[in-house]
Amino acid sequence: MENYRKKLGDCGEELAADYLEKHGYAILERKYTIRGGEIDLIAKKDGVVVFAEVKTRTFDSARKYGRASEAVDKAKIRYVVRAAERYVEENQDRCGECDFRFDVIEVYTPSGVLSGKSSSKAYINHIRDAFESV
């Protein structure tokens, strides 16, 4: 089960990165990890650096367990913020004059997406400034 969830999460992160690129964002980092924190995607658009937490669910599990963004709790927010602070420290050349934002990207996929048995497309919900509302 853990392997399935990891694969589903990786698939969702790839779909989220594609979505951001199609909407004019440049992907700066994927899976930026430090001790005690991780950021799924770091992107930049119009002078704003976006730290994005990606949460992926199948359509079936969303009906059963609720919205993907509901899994972003206060502890997860702390981990992401900690990693973002470190990223900014280490990347002054990229981030010196930028504004920052924390987004959540919900990715909903058909159940068969990992097996290749699904021809349906994923649904993506991009929640900007998500940490203000979590």
C-alpha atoms as a PDB file:
ATOM      1  CA  MET A   1       0.000   0.000   0.000  1.00  0.00           C
ATOM      2  CA  GLU A   2       2.831   2.415   0.821  1.00  0.00           C
ATOM      3  CA  ASN A   3       4.388   1.849  -2.593  1.00  0.00           C
ATOM      4  CA  TYR A   4       1.044   2.593  -4.278  1.00  0.00           C
ATOM      5  CA  ARG A   5       0.642   5.843  -2.320  1.00  0.00           C
ATOM      6  CA  LYS A   6       4.180   6.936  -3.195  1.00  0.00           C
ATOM      7  CA  LYS A   7       3.582   6.215  -6.874  1.00  0.00           C
ATOM      8  CA  LEU A   8       0.249   8.046  -6.766  1.00  0.00           C
ATOM      9  CA  GLY A   9       1.911  11.013  -5.045  1.00  0.00           C
ATOM     10  CA  ASP A  10       4.748  11.065  -7.591  1.00  0.00           C
ATOM     11  CA  CYS A  11       2.197  10.954 -10.402  1.00  0.00           C
ATOM     12  CA  GLY A  12       0.292  13.850  -8.831  1.00  0.00           C
ATOM     13  CA  GLU A  13       3.459  15.908  -8.439  1.00  0.00           C
ATOM     14  CA  GLU A  14       4.305  15.357 -12.090  1.00  0.00           C
ATOM     15  CA  LEU A  15       0.793  16.410 -13.148  1.00  0.00           C
ATOM     16  CA  ALA A  16       1.003  19.476 -10.873  1.00  0.00           C
ATOM     17  CA  ALA A  17       4.385  20.482 -12.335  1.00  0.00           C
ATOM     18  CA  ASP A  18       2.991  20.142 -15.862  1.00  0.00           C
ATOM     19  CA  TYR A  19      -0.024  22.237 -14.849  1.00  0.00           C
ATOM     20  CA  LEU A  20       2.170  25.001 -13.422  1.00  0.00           C
ATOM     21  CA  GLU A  21       4.405  25.064 -16.493  1.00  0.00           C
ATOM     22  CA  LYS A  22       1.359  25.292 -18.780  1.00  0.00           C
ATOM     23  CA  HIS A  23       0.241  28.302 -16.731  1.00  0.00           C
ATOM     24  CA  GLY A  24       3.528  30.165 -17.123  1.00  0.00           C
ATOM     25  CA  TYR A  25       5.441  29.075 -14.024  1.00  0.00           C
ATOM     26  CA  ALA A  26       9.089  28.049 -14.161  1.00  0.00           C
ATOM     27  CA  ILE A  27       9.800  25.032 -11.971  1.00  0.00           C
ATOM     28  CA  LEU A  28      12.833  25.807  -9.807  1.00  0.00           C
ATOM     29  CA  GLU A  29      12.911  22.663  -7.663  1.00  0.00           C
ATOM     30  CA  ARG A  30      11.095  19.364  -7.187  1.00  0.00           C
ATOM     31  CA  LYS A  31      11.076  17.529  -3.872  1.00  0.00           C
ATOM     32  CA  TYR A  32      13.289  20.052  -2.097  1.00  0.00           C
ATOM     33  CA  THR A  33      14.168  18.317   1.157  1.00  0.00           C
ATOM     34  CA  ILE A  34      15.960  19.347   4.316  1.00  0.00           C
ATOM     35  CA  ARG A  35      16.093  17.688   7.684  1.00  0.00           C
ATOM     36  CA  GLY A  36      12.692  18.389   9.175  1.00  0.00           C
ATOM     37  CA  GLY A  37      10.976  19.669   6.054  1.00  0.00           C
ATOM     38  CA  GLU A  38      10.088  19.165   2.422  1.00  0.00           C
ATOM     39  CA  ILE A  39       8.524  21.119  -0.409  1.00  0.00           C
ATOM     40  CA  ASP A  40       6.977  19.226  -3.300  1.00  0.00           C
ATOM     41  CA  LEU A  41       7.406  21.966  -5.920  1.00  0.00           C
ATOM     42  CA  ILE A  42       9.045  25.368  -5.959  1.00  0.00           C
ATOM     43  CA  ALA A  43       8.069  27.534  -8.904  1.00  0.00           C
ATOM     44  CA  LYS A  44       8.378  31.134  -9.981  1.00  0.00           C
ATOM     45  CA  LYS A  45       6.136  33.419 -11.995  1.00  0.00           C
ATOM     46  CA  ASP A  46       6.082  37.207 -12.300  1.00  0.00           C
ATOM     47  CA  GLY A  47       8.596  37.709  -9.486  1.00  0.00           C
ATOM     48  CA  VAL A  48       6.719  35.477  -7.044  1.00  0.00           C
ATOM     49  CA  VAL A  49       8.297  32.308  -5.688  1.00  0.00           C
ATOM     50  CA  VAL A  50       5.618  29.705  -4.991  1.00  0.00           C
ATOM     51  CA  PHE A  51       6.152  26.898  -2.513  1.00  0.00           C
ATOM     52  CA  ALA A  52       3.579  24.284  -3.464  1.00  0.00           C
ATOM     53  CA  GLU A  53       2.353  21.332  -1.444  1.00  0.00           C
ATOM     54  CA  VAL A  54       0.797  18.754  -3.757  1.00  0.00           C
ATOM     55  CA  LYS A  55      -1.873  16.404  -2.460  1.00  0.00           C
ATOM     56  CA  THR A  56      -3.153  13.652  -4.706  1.00  0.00           C
ATOM     57  CA  ARG A  57      -6.281  11.540  -4.362  1.00  0.00           C
ATOM     58  CA  THR A  58      -8.174   9.233  -6.643  1.00  0.00           C
ATOM     59  CA  PHE A  59     -11.722  10.315  -7.351  1.00  0.00           C
ATOM     60  CA  ASP A  60     -12.942   7.312  -5.327  1.00  0.00           C
ATOM     61  CA  SER A  61     -10.832   8.103  -2.257  1.00  0.00           C
ATOM     62  CA  ALA A  62     -11.840  11.781  -2.401  1.00  0.00           C
ATOM     63  CA  ARG A  63     -15.483  10.756  -2.111  1.00  0.00           C
ATOM     64  CA  LYS A  64     -14.596   8.561   0.855  1.00  0.00           C
ATOM     65  CA  TYR A  65     -12.022  10.698   2.697  1.00  0.00           C
ATOM     66  CA  GLY A  66     -12.695  14.285   1.630  1.00  0.00           C
ATOM     67  CA  ARG A  67     -10.712  16.993  -0.109  1.00  0.00           C
ATOM     68  CA  ALA A  68      -7.002  16.454  -0.628  1.00  0.00           C
ATOM     69  CA  SER A  69      -6.128  19.845   0.876  1.00  0.00           C
ATOM     70  CA  GLU A  70      -7.639  18.750   4.194  1.00  0.00           C
ATOM     71  CA  ALA A  71      -4.520  16.621   4.692  1.00  0.00           C
ATOM     72  CA  VAL A  72      -2.413  19.789   5.022  1.00  0.00           C
ATOM     73  CA  ASP A  73      -2.475  20.265   8.771  1.00  0.00           C
ATOM     74  CA  LYS A  74      -0.547  22.649  11.032  1.00  0.00           C
ATOM     75  CA  ALA A  75       2.363  20.227  11.402  1.00  0.00           C
ATOM     76  CA  LYS A  76       2.694  19.901   7.617  1.00  0.00           C
ATOM     77  CA  ILE A  77       2.577  23.670   7.255  1.00  0.00           C
ATOM     78  CA  ARG A  78       5.447  23.997   9.769  1.00  0.00           C
ATOM     79  CA  TYR A  79       7.548  21.507   7.776  1.00  0.00           C
ATOM     80  CA  VAL A  80       6.941  23.348   4.519  1.00  0.00           C
ATOM     81  CA  VAL A  81       7.627  26.779   6.043  1.00  0.00           C
ATOM     82  CA  ARG A  82      10.856  25.511   7.623  1.00  0.00           C
ATOM     83  CA  ALA A  83      12.040  24.165   4.273  1.00  0.00           C
ATOM     84  CA  ALA A  84      11.010  27.398   2.499  1.00  0.00           C
ATOM     85  CA  GLU A  85      13.043  29.483   4.941  1.00  0.00           C
ATOM     86  CA  ARG A  86      16.096  27.345   4.247  1.00  0.00           C
ATOM     87  CA  TYR A  87      15.525  27.488   0.503  1.00  0.00           C
ATOM     88  CA  VAL A  88      15.400  31.292   0.570  1.00  0.00           C
ATOM     89  CA  GLU A  89      18.597  31.432   2.656  1.00  0.00           C
ATOM     90  CA  GLU A  90      20.412  29.160   0.214  1.00  0.00           C
ATOM     91  CA  ASN A  91      19.081  30.834  -2.937  1.00  0.00           C
ATOM     92  CA  GLN A  92      19.400  34.584  -2.415  1.00  0.00           C
ATOM     93  CA  ASP A  93      20.328  34.961  -6.090  1.00  0.00           C
ATOM     94  CA  ARG A  94      16.923  33.537  -7.123  1.00  0.00           C
ATOM     95  CA  CYS A  95      14.858  34.894  -4.259  1.00  0.00           C
ATOM     96  CA  GLY A  96      16.422  38.169  -3.126  1.00  0.00           C
ATOM     97  CA  GLU A  97      13.815  40.557  -4.507  1.00  0.00           C
ATOM     98  CA  CYS A  98      10.898  38.137  -4.803  1.00  0.00           C
ATOM     99  CA  ASP A  99       7.588  37.894  -3.078  1.00  0.00           C
ATOM    100  CA  PHE A 100       6.617  34.480  -1.678  1.00  0.00           C
ATOM    101  CA  ARG A 101       3.445  32.451  -1.573  1.00  0.00           C
ATOM    102  CA  PHE A 102       2.395  29.061  -0.226  1.00  0.00           C
ATOM    103  CA  ASP A 103      -0.034  27.143  -2.429  1.00  0.00           C
ATOM    104  CA  VAL A 104      -1.705  23.763  -2.251  1.00  0.00           C
ATOM    105  CA  ILE A 105      -2.350  21.899  -5.464  1.00  0.00           C
ATOM    106  CA  GLU A 106      -5.010  19.222  -5.253  1.00  0.00           C
ATOM    107  CA  VAL A 107      -4.747  16.521  -7.891  1.00  0.00           C
ATOM    108  CA  TYR A 108      -7.641  14.122  -8.387  1.00  0.00           C
ATOM    109  CA  THR A 109      -7.065  11.151 -10.656  1.00  0.00           C
ATOM    110  CA  PRO A 110      -9.063   8.174 -11.888  1.00  0.00           C
ATOM    111  CA  SER A 111      -8.412   4.950  -9.968  1.00  0.00           C
ATOM    112  CA  GLY A 112      -6.645   3.234 -12.872  1.00  0.00           C
ATOM    113  CA  VAL A 113      -4.159   6.024 -13.535  1.00  0.00           C
ATOM    114  CA  LEU A 114      -1.114   4.047 -12.314  1.00  0.00           C
ATOM    115  CA  SER A 115      -1.946   0.900 -14.225  1.00  0.00           C
ATOM    116  CA  GLY A 116      -2.540   2.751 -17.469  1.00  0.00           C
ATOM    117  CA  LYS A 117      -6.116   1.447 -17.556  1.00  0.00           C
ATOM    118  CA  SER A 118      -7.671   4.866 -17.333  1.00  0.00           C
ATOM    119  CA  SER A 119      -8.120   7.201 -20.250  1.00  0.00           C
ATOM    120  CA  SER A 120      -9.785   9.920 -18.163  1.00  0.00           C
ATOM    121  CA  LYS A 121      -7.933  13.038 -17.246  1.00  0.00           C
ATOM    122  CA  ALA A 122      -7.010  14.280 -13.819  1.00  0.00           C
ATOM    123  CA  TYR A 123      -8.672  17.280 -12.218  1.00  0.00           C
ATOM    124  CA  ILE A 124      -6.362  19.890 -10.692  1.00  0.00           C
ATOM    125  CA  ASN A 125      -7.414  22.523  -8.153  1.00  0.00           C
ATOM    126  CA  HIS A 126      -4.756  25.180  -7.534  1.00  0.00           C
ATOM    127  CA  ILE A 127      -5.333  26.920  -4.198  1.00  0.00           C
ATOM    128  CA  ARG A 128      -3.269  30.114  -4.004  1.00  0.00           C
ATOM    129  CA  ASP A 129      -2.197  31.500  -0.611  1.00  0.00           C
ATOM    130  CA  ALA A 130      -3.535  28.283   0.879  1.00  0.00           C
ATOM    131  CA  PHE A 131      -1.768  28.515   4.204  1.00  0.00           C
ATOM    132  CA  GLU A 132      -3.738  31.631   5.108  1.00  0.00           C
ATOM    133  CA  SER A 133      -6.930  29.606   4.893  1.00  0.00           C
ATOM    134  CA  VAL A 134      -5.669  26.349   6.448  1.00  0.00           C
END
